[in-house]
Amino acid sequence: MSVEQRKALETQTMALQALQNELARIVADRQKLDSQQQENELVQKELEILGDDTRVYKMIGPVLVPQDKDEARANVEKRLEFIRDEIARADQKVEQMSKDQEKASVELFKLQMDIQSINNKGK
């Protein structure tokens, strides 16, 4: 294997590893967003079943502050909307990164086959 071939192989391998690491990070972020979505949907359901005279509090630091129920509902809905948008964005990134990873894998495989072919001809 020549120096050029070794460098090309190392470069392709490092690029593939970088894509795999980025994809793993995006998937982990997506899982966090799923958890946040579930929590906020639970809060939304709880707010819907509260009576009209029930007090709602919001924790700000170590303090519970009274909050208007309609305002709390609106805040939760906005958070859910934001989370859904982020999930959609993460899904698009995962799809694109998967395609990029597949392409890099194919390129690496071709390079390995080319190197093996050259080495077999040299024998």
PDB file of N, CA and C in Angstrom:
ATOM      1  N   MET A   1       0.857  -1.172   0.000  1.00  0.00           N
ATOM      2  CA  MET A   1       0.000   0.000   0.000  1.00  0.00           C
ATOM      3  C   MET A   1       0.902   1.233   0.000  1.00  0.00           C
ATOM      4  N   SER A   2       0.660   2.109  -0.927  1.00  0.00           N
ATOM      5  CA  SER A   2       1.479   3.317  -1.026  1.00  0.00           C
ATOM      6  C   SER A   2       1.048   4.332   0.035  1.00  0.00           C
ATOM      7  N   VAL A   3       1.870   5.336   0.205  1.00  0.00           N
ATOM      8  CA  VAL A   3       1.591   6.394   1.177  1.00  0.00           C
ATOM      9  C   VAL A   3       0.304   7.131   0.789  1.00  0.00           C
ATOM     10  N   GLU A   4       0.145   7.365  -0.497  1.00  0.00           N
ATOM     11  CA  GLU A   4      -1.051   8.072  -0.971  1.00  0.00           C
ATOM     12  C   GLU A   4      -2.313   7.259  -0.689  1.00  0.00           C
ATOM     13  N   GLN A   5      -2.225   5.968  -0.933  1.00  0.00           N
ATOM     14  CA  GLN A   5      -3.370   5.107  -0.675  1.00  0.00           C
ATOM     15  C   GLN A   5      -3.698   5.075   0.813  1.00  0.00           C
ATOM     16  N   ARG A   6      -2.666   5.001   1.635  1.00  0.00           N
ATOM     17  CA  ARG A   6      -2.862   4.965   3.088  1.00  0.00           C
ATOM     18  C   ARG A   6      -3.523   6.260   3.565  1.00  0.00           C
ATOM     19  N   LYS A   7      -3.050   7.397   3.034  1.00  0.00           N
ATOM     20  CA  LYS A   7      -3.631   8.693   3.420  1.00  0.00           C
ATOM     21  C   LYS A   7      -5.094   8.791   2.981  1.00  0.00           C
ATOM     22  N   ALA A   8      -5.369   8.331   1.769  1.00  0.00           N
ATOM     23  CA  ALA A   8      -6.752   8.371   1.264  1.00  0.00           C
ATOM     24  C   ALA A   8      -7.655   7.486   2.118  1.00  0.00           C
ATOM     25  N   LEU A   9      -7.145   6.307   2.485  1.00  0.00           N
ATOM     26  CA  LEU A   9      -7.912   5.394   3.315  1.00  0.00           C
ATOM     27  C   LEU A   9      -8.163   5.996   4.700  1.00  0.00           C
ATOM     28  N   GLU A  10      -7.139   6.590   5.291  1.00  0.00           N
ATOM     29  CA  GLU A  10      -7.288   7.223   6.604  1.00  0.00           C
ATOM     30  C   GLU A  10      -8.276   8.383   6.544  1.00  0.00           C
ATOM     31  N   THR A  11      -8.187   9.176   5.495  1.00  0.00           N
ATOM     32  CA  THR A  11      -9.088  10.327   5.336  1.00  0.00           C
ATOM     33  C   THR A  11     -10.534   9.866   5.226  1.00  0.00           C
ATOM     34  N   GLN A  12     -10.780   8.859   4.404  1.00  0.00           N
ATOM     35  CA  GLN A  12     -12.137   8.334   4.238  1.00  0.00           C
ATOM     36  C   GLN A  12     -12.656   7.716   5.533  1.00  0.00           C
ATOM     37  N   THR A  13     -11.784   6.993   6.233  1.00  0.00           N
ATOM     38  CA  THR A  13     -12.189   6.375   7.493  1.00  0.00           C
ATOM     39  C   THR A  13     -12.531   7.430   8.529  1.00  0.00           C
ATOM     40  N   MET A  14     -11.710   8.464   8.618  1.00  0.00           N
ATOM     41  CA  MET A  14     -11.973   9.538   9.584  1.00  0.00           C
ATOM     42  C   MET A  14     -13.263  10.280   9.242  1.00  0.00           C
ATOM     43  N   ALA A  15     -13.510  10.489   7.956  1.00  0.00           N
ATOM     44  CA  ALA A  15     -14.743  11.171   7.540  1.00  0.00           C
ATOM     45  C   ALA A  15     -15.960  10.337   7.913  1.00  0.00           C
ATOM     46  N   LEU A  16     -15.871   9.026   7.703  1.00  0.00           N
ATOM     47  CA  LEU A  16     -16.978   8.141   8.063  1.00  0.00           C
ATOM     48  C   LEU A  16     -17.209   8.138   9.571  1.00  0.00           C
ATOM     49  N   GLN A  17     -16.146   8.084  10.347  1.00  0.00           N
ATOM     50  CA  GLN A  17     -16.280   8.109  11.807  1.00  0.00           C
ATOM     51  C   GLN A  17     -16.903   9.421  12.280  1.00  0.00           C
ATOM     52  N   ALA A  18     -16.504  10.524  11.659  1.00  0.00           N
ATOM     53  CA  ALA A  18     -17.074  11.826  12.028  1.00  0.00           C
ATOM     54  C   ALA A  18     -18.577  11.847  11.741  1.00  0.00           C
ATOM     55  N   LEU A  19     -18.975  11.297  10.605  1.00  0.00           N
ATOM     56  CA  LEU A  19     -20.402  11.229  10.274  1.00  0.00           C
ATOM     57  C   LEU A  19     -21.162  10.354  11.271  1.00  0.00           C
ATOM     58  N   GLN A  20     -20.564   9.232  11.646  1.00  0.00           N
ATOM     59  CA  GLN A  20     -21.208   8.338  12.604  1.00  0.00           C
ATOM     60  C   GLN A  20     -21.363   9.013  13.963  1.00  0.00           C
ATOM     61  N   ASN A  21     -20.336   9.740  14.387  1.00  0.00           N
ATOM     62  CA  ASN A  21     -20.406  10.448  15.669  1.00  0.00           C
ATOM     63  C   ASN A  21     -21.467  11.539  15.649  1.00  0.00           C
ATOM     64  N   GLU A  22     -21.528  12.275  14.558  1.00  0.00           N
ATOM     65  CA  GLU A  22     -22.529  13.340  14.422  1.00  0.00           C
ATOM     66  C   GLU A  22     -23.941  12.754  14.400  1.00  0.00           C
ATOM     67  N   LEU A  23     -24.104  11.658  13.697  1.00  0.00           N
ATOM     68  CA  LEU A  23     -25.414  11.000  13.637  1.00  0.00           C
ATOM     69  C   LEU A  23     -25.838  10.516  15.024  1.00  0.00           C
ATOM     70  N   ALA A  24     -24.914   9.957  15.771  1.00  0.00           N
ATOM     71  CA  ALA A  24     -25.223   9.497  17.130  1.00  0.00           C
ATOM     72  C   ALA A  24     -25.631  10.675  18.019  1.00  0.00           C
ATOM     73  N   ARG A  25     -24.967  11.815  17.866  1.00  0.00           N
ATOM     74  CA  ARG A  25     -25.303  13.008  18.659  1.00  0.00           C
ATOM     75  C   ARG A  25     -26.708  13.506  18.307  1.00  0.00           C
ATOM     76  N   ILE A  26     -27.012  13.528  17.023  1.00  0.00           N
ATOM     77  CA  ILE A  26     -28.328  14.001  16.581  1.00  0.00           C
ATOM     78  C   ILE A  26     -29.427  13.072  17.089  1.00  0.00           C
ATOM     79  N   VAL A  27     -29.187  11.776  17.044  1.00  0.00           N
ATOM     80  CA  VAL A  27     -30.180  10.808  17.536  1.00  0.00           C
ATOM     81  C   VAL A  27     -30.394  10.988  19.037  1.00  0.00           C
ATOM     82  N   ALA A  28     -29.318  11.226  19.786  1.00  0.00           N
ATOM     83  CA  ALA A  28     -29.443  11.454  21.228  1.00  0.00           C
ATOM     84  C   ALA A  28     -30.256  12.726  21.497  1.00  0.00           C
ATOM     85  N   ASP A  29     -29.988  13.774  20.725  1.00  0.00           N
ATOM     86  CA  ASP A  29     -30.754  15.016  20.871  1.00  0.00           C
ATOM     87  C   ASP A  29     -32.233  14.783  20.555  1.00  0.00           C
ATOM     88  N   ARG A  30     -32.487  13.967  19.555  1.00  0.00           N
ATOM     89  CA  ARG A  30     -33.868  13.649  19.161  1.00  0.00           C
ATOM     90  C   ARG A  30     -34.601  12.922  20.284  1.00  0.00           C
ATOM     91  N   GLN A  31     -33.888  12.029  20.967  1.00  0.00           N
ATOM     92  CA  GLN A  31     -34.486  11.301  22.081  1.00  0.00           C
ATOM     93  C   GLN A  31     -34.826  12.246  23.241  1.00  0.00           C
ATOM     94  N   LYS A  32     -33.974  13.224  23.481  1.00  0.00           N
ATOM     95  CA  LYS A  32     -34.259  14.215  24.523  1.00  0.00           C
ATOM     96  C   LYS A  32     -35.508  15.013  24.168  1.00  0.00           C
ATOM     97  N   LEU A  33     -35.620  15.364  22.894  1.00  0.00           N
ATOM     98  CA  LEU A  33     -36.801  16.102  22.451  1.00  0.00           C
ATOM     99  C   LEU A  33     -38.071  15.271  22.627  1.00  0.00           C
ATOM    100  N   ASP A  34     -37.995  13.981  22.366  1.00  0.00           N
ATOM    101  CA  ASP A  34     -39.143  13.099  22.581  1.00  0.00           C
ATOM    102  C   ASP A  34     -39.571  13.113  24.047  1.00  0.00           C
ATOM    103  N   SER A  35     -38.597  13.050  24.937  1.00  0.00           N
ATOM    104  CA  SER A  35     -38.905  13.081  26.372  1.00  0.00           C
ATOM    105  C   SER A  35     -39.567  14.399  26.759  1.00  0.00           C
ATOM    106  N   GLN A  36     -39.030  15.495  26.246  1.00  0.00           N
ATOM    107  CA  GLN A  36     -39.610  16.803  26.540  1.00  0.00           C
ATOM    108  C   GLN A  36     -41.033  16.898  26.000  1.00  0.00           C
ATOM    109  N   GLN A  37     -41.253  16.345  24.824  1.00  0.00           N
ATOM    110  CA  GLN A  37     -42.593  16.377  24.240  1.00  0.00           C
ATOM    111  C   GLN A  37     -43.572  15.600  25.109  1.00  0.00           C
ATOM    112  N   GLN A  38     -43.181  14.429  25.561  1.00  0.00           N
ATOM    113  CA  GLN A  38     -44.058  13.621  26.405  1.00  0.00           C
ATOM    114  C   GLN A  38     -44.375  14.341  27.717  1.00  0.00           C
ATOM    115  N   GLU A  39     -43.367  14.958  28.322  1.00  0.00           N
ATOM    116  CA  GLU A  39     -43.587  15.696  29.573  1.00  0.00           C
ATOM    117  C   GLU A  39     -44.569  16.843  29.367  1.00  0.00           C
ATOM    118  N   ASN A  40     -44.374  17.595  28.297  1.00  0.00           N
ATOM    119  CA  ASN A  40     -45.245  18.740  28.042  1.00  0.00           C
ATOM    120  C   ASN A  40     -46.660  18.317  27.665  1.00  0.00           C
ATOM    121  N   GLU A  41     -46.805  17.203  26.963  1.00  0.00           N
ATOM    122  CA  GLU A  41     -48.143  16.701  26.657  1.00  0.00           C
ATOM    123  C   GLU A  41     -48.853  16.269  27.932  1.00  0.00           C
ATOM    124  N   LEU A  42     -48.116  15.704  28.864  1.00  0.00           N
ATOM    125  CA  LEU A  42     -48.693  15.331  30.155  1.00  0.00           C
ATOM    126  C   LEU A  42     -49.155  16.577  30.919  1.00  0.00           C
ATOM    127  N   VAL A  43     -48.327  17.610  30.928  1.00  0.00           N
ATOM    128  CA  VAL A  43     -48.700  18.868  31.580  1.00  0.00           C
ATOM    129  C   VAL A  43     -49.939  19.456  30.914  1.00  0.00           C
ATOM    130  N   GLN A  44     -49.988  19.391  29.591  1.00  0.00           N
ATOM    131  CA  GLN A  44     -51.132  19.914  28.855  1.00  0.00           C
ATOM    132  C   GLN A  44     -52.416  19.177  29.252  1.00  0.00           C
ATOM    133  N   LYS A  45     -52.341  17.863  29.364  1.00  0.00           N
ATOM    134  CA  LYS A  45     -53.515  17.078  29.771  1.00  0.00           C
ATOM    135  C   LYS A  45     -53.937  17.433  31.193  1.00  0.00           C
ATOM    136  N   GLU A  46     -52.972  17.603  32.074  1.00  0.00           N
ATOM    137  CA  GLU A  46     -53.275  17.973  33.465  1.00  0.00           C
ATOM    138  C   GLU A  46     -53.956  19.338  33.521  1.00  0.00           C
ATOM    139  N   LEU A  47     -53.484  20.282  32.722  1.00  0.00           N
ATOM    140  CA  LEU A  47     -54.094  21.613  32.710  1.00  0.00           C
ATOM    141  C   LEU A  47     -55.532  21.554  32.183  1.00  0.00           C
ATOM    142  N   GLU A  48     -55.806  20.652  31.257  1.00  0.00           N
ATOM    143  CA  GLU A  48     -57.148  20.538  30.682  1.00  0.00           C
ATOM    144  C   GLU A  48     -58.161  20.000  31.687  1.00  0.00           C
ATOM    145  N   ILE A  49     -57.718  19.151  32.610  1.00  0.00           N
ATOM    146  CA  ILE A  49     -58.681  18.557  33.548  1.00  0.00           C
ATOM    147  C   ILE A  49     -58.862  19.386  34.814  1.00  0.00           C
ATOM    148  N   LEU A  50     -58.079  20.459  34.969  1.00  0.00           N
ATOM    149  CA  LEU A  50     -58.221  21.303  36.153  1.00  0.00           C
ATOM    150  C   LEU A  50     -59.536  22.076  36.119  1.00  0.00           C
ATOM    151  N   GLY A  51     -60.102  22.273  37.275  1.00  0.00           N
ATOM    152  CA  GLY A  51     -61.321  23.075  37.388  1.00  0.00           C
ATOM    153  C   GLY A  51     -61.007  24.552  37.190  1.00  0.00           C
ATOM    154  N   ASP A  52     -62.063  25.335  36.990  1.00  0.00           N
ATOM    155  CA  ASP A  52     -61.885  26.769  36.751  1.00  0.00           C
ATOM    156  C   ASP A  52     -61.329  27.506  37.963  1.00  0.00           C
ATOM    157  N   ASP A  53     -61.615  27.000  39.162  1.00  0.00           N
ATOM    158  CA  ASP A  53     -61.162  27.697  40.365  1.00  0.00           C
ATOM    159  C   ASP A  53     -59.804  27.192  40.869  1.00  0.00           C
ATOM    160  N   THR A  54     -59.191  26.278  40.151  1.00  0.00           N
ATOM    161  CA  THR A  54     -57.912  25.711  40.572  1.00  0.00           C
ATOM    162  C   THR A  54     -56.785  26.695  40.283  1.00  0.00           C
ATOM    163  N   ARG A  55     -55.894  26.828  41.248  1.00  0.00           N
ATOM    164  CA  ARG A  55     -54.736  27.705  41.071  1.00  0.00           C
ATOM    165  C   ARG A  55     -53.601  26.944  40.397  1.00  0.00           C
ATOM    166  N   VAL A  56     -52.903  27.664  39.536  1.00  0.00           N
ATOM    167  CA  VAL A  56     -51.751  27.096  38.831  1.00  0.00           C
ATOM    168  C   VAL A  56     -50.526  27.898  39.245  1.00  0.00           C
ATOM    169  N   TYR A  57     -49.434  27.192  39.503  1.00  0.00           N
ATOM    170  CA  TYR A  57     -48.194  27.831  39.895  1.00  0.00           C
ATOM    171  C   TYR A  57     -47.091  27.450  38.926  1.00  0.00           C
ATOM    172  N   LYS A  58     -46.163  28.374  38.772  1.00  0.00           N
ATOM    173  CA  LYS A  58     -45.010  28.143  37.914  1.00  0.00           C
ATOM    174  C   LYS A  58     -43.762  28.265  38.774  1.00  0.00           C
ATOM    175  N   MET A  59     -42.855  27.311  38.630  1.00  0.00           N
ATOM    176  CA  MET A  59     -41.632  27.358  39.415  1.00  0.00           C
ATOM    177  C   MET A  59     -40.606  28.209  38.676  1.00  0.00           C
ATOM    178  N   ILE A  60     -40.167  29.247  39.346  1.00  0.00           N
ATOM    179  CA  ILE A  60     -39.108  30.111  38.827  1.00  0.00           C
ATOM    180  C   ILE A  60     -37.985  30.053  39.851  1.00  0.00           C
ATOM    181  N   GLY A  61     -36.944  29.302  39.500  1.00  0.00           N
ATOM    182  CA  GLY A  61     -35.876  29.058  40.472  1.00  0.00           C
ATOM    183  C   GLY A  61     -36.454  28.241  41.607  1.00  0.00           C
ATOM    184  N   PRO A  62     -36.193  28.662  42.853  1.00  0.00           N
ATOM    185  CA  PRO A  62     -36.721  27.912  43.996  1.00  0.00           C
ATOM    186  C   PRO A  62     -38.111  28.380  44.446  1.00  0.00           C
ATOM    187  N   VAL A  63     -38.731  29.306  43.705  1.00  0.00           N
ATOM    188  CA  VAL A  63     -39.981  29.940  44.135  1.00  0.00           C
ATOM    189  C   VAL A  63     -41.141  29.527  43.225  1.00  0.00           C
ATOM    190  N   LEU A  64     -42.292  29.225  43.843  1.00  0.00           N
ATOM    191  CA  LEU A  64     -43.516  28.983  43.083  1.00  0.00           C
ATOM    192  C   LEU A  64     -44.277  30.297  42.968  1.00  0.00           C
ATOM    193  N   VAL A  65     -44.560  30.678  41.726  1.00  0.00           N
ATOM    194  CA  VAL A  65     -45.233  31.938  41.452  1.00  0.00           C
ATOM    195  C   VAL A  65     -46.588  31.629  40.831  1.00  0.00           C
ATOM    196  N   PRO A  66     -47.672  32.284  41.322  1.00  0.00           N
ATOM    197  CA  PRO A  66     -48.989  32.049  40.721  1.00  0.00           C
ATOM    198  C   PRO A  66     -48.984  32.450  39.246  1.00  0.00           C
ATOM    199  N   GLN A  67     -49.713  31.649  38.433  1.00  0.00           N
ATOM    200  CA  GLN A  67     -49.785  31.937  37.009  1.00  0.00           C
ATOM    201  C   GLN A  67     -51.221  31.722  36.544  1.00  0.00           C
ATOM    202  N   ASP A  68     -51.639  32.561  35.640  1.00  0.00           N
ATOM    203  CA  ASP A  68     -52.967  32.423  35.059  1.00  0.00           C
ATOM    204  C   ASP A  68     -53.033  31.107  34.285  1.00  0.00           C
ATOM    205  N   LYS A  69     -54.139  30.381  34.451  1.00  0.00           N
ATOM    206  CA  LYS A  69     -54.271  29.062  33.828  1.00  0.00           C
ATOM    207  C   LYS A  69     -54.226  29.167  32.302  1.00  0.00           C
ATOM    208  N   ASP A  70     -54.868  30.178  31.742  1.00  0.00           N
ATOM    209  CA  ASP A  70     -54.845  30.345  30.283  1.00  0.00           C
ATOM    210  C   ASP A  70     -53.427  30.648  29.781  1.00  0.00           C
ATOM    211  N   GLU A  71     -52.711  31.433  30.564  1.00  0.00           N
ATOM    212  CA  GLU A  71     -51.320  31.739  30.214  1.00  0.00           C
ATOM    213  C   GLU A  71     -50.463  30.470  30.279  1.00  0.00           C
ATOM    214  N   ALA A  72     -50.696  29.649  31.276  1.00  0.00           N
ATOM    215  CA  ALA A  72     -49.953  28.399  31.420  1.00  0.00           C
ATOM    216  C   ALA A  72     -50.241  27.478  30.232  1.00  0.00           C
ATOM    217  N   ARG A  73     -51.514  27.396  29.842  1.00  0.00           N
ATOM    218  CA  ARG A  73     -51.879  26.568  28.686  1.00  0.00           C
ATOM    219  C   ARG A  73     -51.196  27.072  27.413  1.00  0.00           C
ATOM    220  N   ALA A  74     -51.215  28.389  27.234  1.00  0.00           N
ATOM    221  CA  ALA A  74     -50.588  28.987  26.047  1.00  0.00           C
ATOM    222  C   ALA A  74     -49.080  28.712  26.043  1.00  0.00           C
ATOM    223  N   ASN A  75     -48.440  28.820  27.205  1.00  0.00           N
ATOM    224  CA  ASN A  75     -46.995  28.557  27.293  1.00  0.00           C
ATOM    225  C   ASN A  75     -46.674  27.105  26.948  1.00  0.00           C
ATOM    226  N   VAL A  76     -47.477  26.195  27.450  1.00  0.00           N
ATOM    227  CA  VAL A  76     -47.250  24.769  27.175  1.00  0.00           C
ATOM    228  C   VAL A  76     -47.457  24.498  25.690  1.00  0.00           C
ATOM    229  N   GLU A  77     -48.479  25.079  25.101  1.00  0.00           N
ATOM    230  CA  GLU A  77     -48.735  24.873  23.668  1.00  0.00           C
ATOM    231  C   GLU A  77     -47.586  25.424  22.831  1.00  0.00           C
ATOM    232  N   LYS A  78     -47.058  26.583  23.217  1.00  0.00           N
ATOM    233  CA  LYS A  78     -45.916  27.151  22.487  1.00  0.00           C
ATOM    234  C   LYS A  78     -44.689  26.251  22.615  1.00  0.00           C
ATOM    235  N   ARG A  79     -44.460  25.717  23.812  1.00  0.00           N
ATOM    236  CA  ARG A  79     -43.326  24.797  24.006  1.00  0.00           C
ATOM    237  C   ARG A  79     -43.499  23.555  23.146  1.00  0.00           C
ATOM    238  N   LEU A  80     -44.723  23.014  23.118  1.00  0.00           N
ATOM    239  CA  LEU A  80     -44.984  21.825  22.298  1.00  0.00           C
ATOM    240  C   LEU A  80     -44.764  22.116  20.811  1.00  0.00           C
ATOM    241  N   GLU A  81     -45.202  23.263  20.372  1.00  0.00           N
ATOM    242  CA  GLU A  81     -45.013  23.654  18.978  1.00  0.00           C
ATOM    243  C   GLU A  81     -43.517  23.753  18.651  1.00  0.00           C
ATOM    244  N   PHE A  82     -42.762  24.377  19.547  1.00  0.00           N
ATOM    245  CA  PHE A  82     -41.320  24.501  19.363  1.00  0.00           C
ATOM    246  C   PHE A  82     -40.662  23.124  19.331  1.00  0.00           C
ATOM    247  N   ILE A  83     -41.045  22.266  20.244  1.00  0.00           N
ATOM    248  CA  ILE A  83     -40.462  20.918  20.322  1.00  0.00           C
ATOM    249  C   ILE A  83     -40.787  20.130  19.059  1.00  0.00           C
ATOM    250  N   ARG A  84     -42.013  20.235  18.574  1.00  0.00           N
ATOM    251  CA  ARG A  84     -42.387  19.526  17.342  1.00  0.00           C
ATOM    252  C   ARG A  84     -41.549  20.000  16.155  1.00  0.00           C
ATOM    253  N   ASP A  85     -41.333  21.317  16.087  1.00  0.00           N
ATOM    254  CA  ASP A  85     -40.490  21.858  15.017  1.00  0.00           C
ATOM    255  C   ASP A  85     -39.059  21.326  15.123  1.00  0.00           C
ATOM    256  N   GLU A  86     -38.540  21.271  16.338  1.00  0.00           N
ATOM    257  CA  GLU A  86     -37.183  20.769  16.550  1.00  0.00           C
ATOM    258  C   GLU A  86     -37.090  19.277  16.211  1.00  0.00           C
ATOM    259  N   ILE A  87     -38.126  18.529  16.531  1.00  0.00           N
ATOM    260  CA  ILE A  87     -38.150  17.098  16.191  1.00  0.00           C
ATOM    261  C   ILE A  87     -38.137  16.922  14.672  1.00  0.00           C
ATOM    262  N   ALA A  88     -38.934  17.716  13.975  1.00  0.00           N
ATOM    263  CA  ALA A  88     -38.966  17.638  12.511  1.00  0.00           C
ATOM    264  C   ALA A  88     -37.593  17.987  11.933  1.00  0.00           C
ATOM    265  N   ARG A  89     -36.961  19.008  12.488  1.00  0.00           N
ATOM    266  CA  ARG A  89     -35.623  19.396  12.034  1.00  0.00           C
ATOM    267  C   ARG A  89     -34.612  18.271  12.297  1.00  0.00           C
ATOM    268  N   ALA A  90     -34.696  17.668  13.472  1.00  0.00           N
ATOM    269  CA  ALA A  90     -33.787  16.575  13.824  1.00  0.00           C
ATOM    270  C   ALA A  90     -34.004  15.374  12.900  1.00  0.00           C
ATOM    271  N   ASP A  91     -35.266  15.087  12.580  1.00  0.00           N
ATOM    272  CA  ASP A  91     -35.557  13.974  11.670  1.00  0.00           C
ATOM    273  C   ASP A  91     -34.949  14.217  10.286  1.00  0.00           C
ATOM    274  N   GLN A  92     -35.039  15.454   9.815  1.00  0.00           N
ATOM    275  CA  GLN A  92     -34.436  15.790   8.525  1.00  0.00           C
ATOM    276  C   GLN A  92     -32.912  15.618   8.579  1.00  0.00           C
ATOM    277  N   LYS A  93     -32.310  16.043   9.683  1.00  0.00           N
ATOM    278  CA  LYS A  93     -30.859  15.890   9.830  1.00  0.00           C
ATOM    279  C   LYS A  93     -30.467  14.422   9.864  1.00  0.00           C
ATOM    280  N   VAL A  94     -31.240  13.607  10.581  1.00  0.00           N
ATOM    281  CA  VAL A  94     -30.939  12.176  10.662  1.00  0.00           C
ATOM    282  C   VAL A  94     -31.021  11.554   9.269  1.00  0.00           C
ATOM    283  N   GLU A  95     -32.038  11.923   8.518  1.00  0.00           N
ATOM    284  CA  GLU A  95     -32.199  11.380   7.170  1.00  0.00           C
ATOM    285  C   GLU A  95     -31.013  11.769   6.287  1.00  0.00           C
ATOM    286  N   GLN A  96     -30.635  13.036   6.331  1.00  0.00           N
ATOM    287  CA  GLN A  96     -29.515  13.507   5.509  1.00  0.00           C
ATOM    288  C   GLN A  96     -28.201  12.872   5.946  1.00  0.00           C
ATOM    289  N   MET A  97     -27.986  12.797   7.252  1.00  0.00           N
ATOM    290  CA  MET A  97     -26.744  12.213   7.763  1.00  0.00           C
ATOM    291  C   MET A  97     -26.670  10.725   7.422  1.00  0.00           C
ATOM    292  N   SER A  98     -27.784  10.041   7.438  1.00  0.00           N
ATOM    293  CA  SER A  98     -27.807   8.618   7.071  1.00  0.00           C
ATOM    294  C   SER A  98     -27.404   8.441   5.610  1.00  0.00           C
ATOM    295  N   LYS A  99     -27.920   9.315   4.758  1.00  0.00           N
ATOM    296  CA  LYS A  99     -27.544   9.255   3.341  1.00  0.00           C
ATOM    297  C   LYS A  99     -26.056   9.540   3.171  1.00  0.00           C
ATOM    298  N   ASP A 100     -25.563  10.565   3.869  1.00  0.00           N
ATOM    299  CA  ASP A 100     -24.143  10.910   3.792  1.00  0.00           C
ATOM    300  C   ASP A 100     -23.270   9.769   4.303  1.00  0.00           C
ATOM    301  N   GLN A 101     -23.717   9.135   5.375  1.00  0.00           N
ATOM    302  CA  GLN A 101     -22.967   8.018   5.946  1.00  0.00           C
ATOM    303  C   GLN A 101     -22.929   6.850   4.971  1.00  0.00           C
ATOM    304  N   GLU A 102     -24.047   6.557   4.334  1.00  0.00           N
ATOM    305  CA  GLU A 102     -24.091   5.474   3.354  1.00  0.00           C
ATOM    306  C   GLU A 102     -23.157   5.767   2.187  1.00  0.00           C
ATOM    307  N   LYS A 103     -23.182   7.001   1.722  1.00  0.00           N
ATOM    308  CA  LYS A 103     -22.316   7.404   0.617  1.00  0.00           C
ATOM    309  C   LYS A 103     -20.845   7.263   1.011  1.00  0.00           C
ATOM    310  N   ALA A 104     -20.494   7.704   2.208  1.00  0.00           N
ATOM    311  CA  ALA A 104     -19.109   7.605   2.679  1.00  0.00           C
ATOM    312  C   ALA A 104     -18.696   6.146   2.835  1.00  0.00           C
ATOM    313  N   SER A 105     -19.605   5.296   3.282  1.00  0.00           N
ATOM    314  CA  SER A 105     -19.311   3.861   3.425  1.00  0.00           C
ATOM    315  C   SER A 105     -19.021   3.232   2.073  1.00  0.00           C
ATOM    316  N   VAL A 106     -19.826   3.589   1.079  1.00  0.00           N
ATOM    317  CA  VAL A 106     -19.630   3.053  -0.268  1.00  0.00           C
ATOM    318  C   VAL A 106     -18.283   3.518  -0.824  1.00  0.00           C
ATOM    319  N   GLU A 107     -17.976   4.793  -0.640  1.00  0.00           N
ATOM    320  CA  GLU A 107     -16.699   5.325  -1.120  1.00  0.00           C
ATOM    321  C   GLU A 107     -15.514   4.634  -0.446  1.00  0.00           C
ATOM    322  N   LEU A 108     -15.634   4.410   0.845  1.00  0.00           N
ATOM    323  CA  LEU A 108     -14.573   3.721   1.574  1.00  0.00           C
ATOM    324  C   LEU A 108     -14.423   2.289   1.072  1.00  0.00           C
ATOM    325  N   PHE A 109     -15.521   1.614   0.857  1.00  0.00           N
ATOM    326  CA  PHE A 109     -15.477   0.247   0.357  1.00  0.00           C
ATOM    327  C   PHE A 109     -14.811   0.203  -1.020  1.00  0.00           C
ATOM    328  N   LYS A 110     -15.182   1.133  -1.907  1.00  0.00           N
ATOM    329  CA  LYS A 110     -14.571   1.190  -3.241  1.00  0.00           C
ATOM    330  C   LYS A 110     -13.073   1.423  -3.139  1.00  0.00           C
ATOM    331  N   LEU A 111     -12.682   2.317  -2.271  1.00  0.00           N
ATOM    332  CA  LEU A 111     -11.259   2.597  -2.078  1.00  0.00           C
ATOM    333  C   LEU A 111     -10.527   1.354  -1.587  1.00  0.00           C
ATOM    334  N   GLN A 112     -11.117   0.654  -0.648  1.00  0.00           N
ATOM    335  CA  GLN A 112     -10.500  -0.575  -0.140  1.00  0.00           C
ATOM    336  C   GLN A 112     -10.381  -1.622  -1.243  1.00  0.00           C
ATOM    337  N   MET A 113     -11.406  -1.740  -2.070  1.00  0.00           N
ATOM    338  CA  MET A 113     -11.376  -2.695  -3.181  1.00  0.00           C
ATOM    339  C   MET A 113     -10.298  -2.309  -4.199  1.00  0.00           C
ATOM    340  N   ASP A 114     -10.194  -1.003  -4.483  1.00  0.00           N
ATOM    341  CA  ASP A 114      -9.165  -0.531  -5.417  1.00  0.00           C
ATOM    342  C   ASP A 114      -7.773  -0.848  -4.886  1.00  0.00           C
ATOM    343  N   ILE A 115      -7.554  -0.593  -3.614  1.00  0.00           N
ATOM    344  CA  ILE A 115      -6.249  -0.861  -2.996  1.00  0.00           C
ATOM    345  C   ILE A 115      -5.959  -2.353  -3.030  1.00  0.00           C
ATOM    346  N   GLN A 116      -6.958  -3.169  -2.706  1.00  0.00           N
ATOM    347  CA  GLN A 116      -6.775  -4.614  -2.711  1.00  0.00           C
ATOM    348  C   GLN A 116      -6.477  -5.104  -4.136  1.00  0.00           C
ATOM    349  N   SER A 117      -7.158  -4.559  -5.095  1.00  0.00           N
ATOM    350  CA  SER A 117      -6.944  -4.933  -6.493  1.00  0.00           C
ATOM    351  C   SER A 117      -5.525  -4.582  -6.936  1.00  0.00           C
ATOM    352  N   ILE A 118      -5.063  -3.402  -6.586  1.00  0.00           N
ATOM    353  CA  ILE A 118      -3.706  -2.969  -6.931  1.00  0.00           C
ATOM    354  C   ILE A 118      -2.672  -3.854  -6.246  1.00  0.00           C
ATOM    355  N   ASN A 119      -2.922  -4.170  -4.980  1.00  0.00           N
ATOM    356  CA  ASN A 119      -1.990  -5.020  -4.249  1.00  0.00           C
ATOM    357  C   ASN A 119      -1.939  -6.431  -4.822  1.00  0.00           C
ATOM    358  N   ASN A 120      -3.089  -6.954  -5.263  1.00  0.00           N
ATOM    359  CA  ASN A 120      -3.129  -8.295  -5.850  1.00  0.00           C
ATOM    360  C   ASN A 120      -2.414  -8.340  -7.204  1.00  0.00           C
ATOM    361  N   LYS A 121      -2.517  -7.247  -7.960  1.00  0.00           N
ATOM    362  CA  LYS A 121      -1.825  -7.169  -9.263  1.00  0.00           C
ATOM    363  C   LYS A 121      -0.322  -7.095  -9.071  1.00  0.00           C
ATOM    364  N   GLY A 122       0.100  -6.482  -7.968  1.00  0.00           N
ATOM    365  CA  GLY A 122       1.537  -6.334  -7.704  1.00  0.00           C
ATOM    366  C   GLY A 122       2.196  -7.602  -7.248  1.00  0.00           C
ATOM    367  N   LYS A 123       1.446  -8.592  -6.893  1.00  0.00           N
ATOM    368  CA  LYS A 123       2.015  -9.841  -6.360  1.00  0.00           C
ATOM    369  C   LYS A 123       2.443 -10.778  -7.441  1.00  0.00           C
TER     370      LYS A 123
END
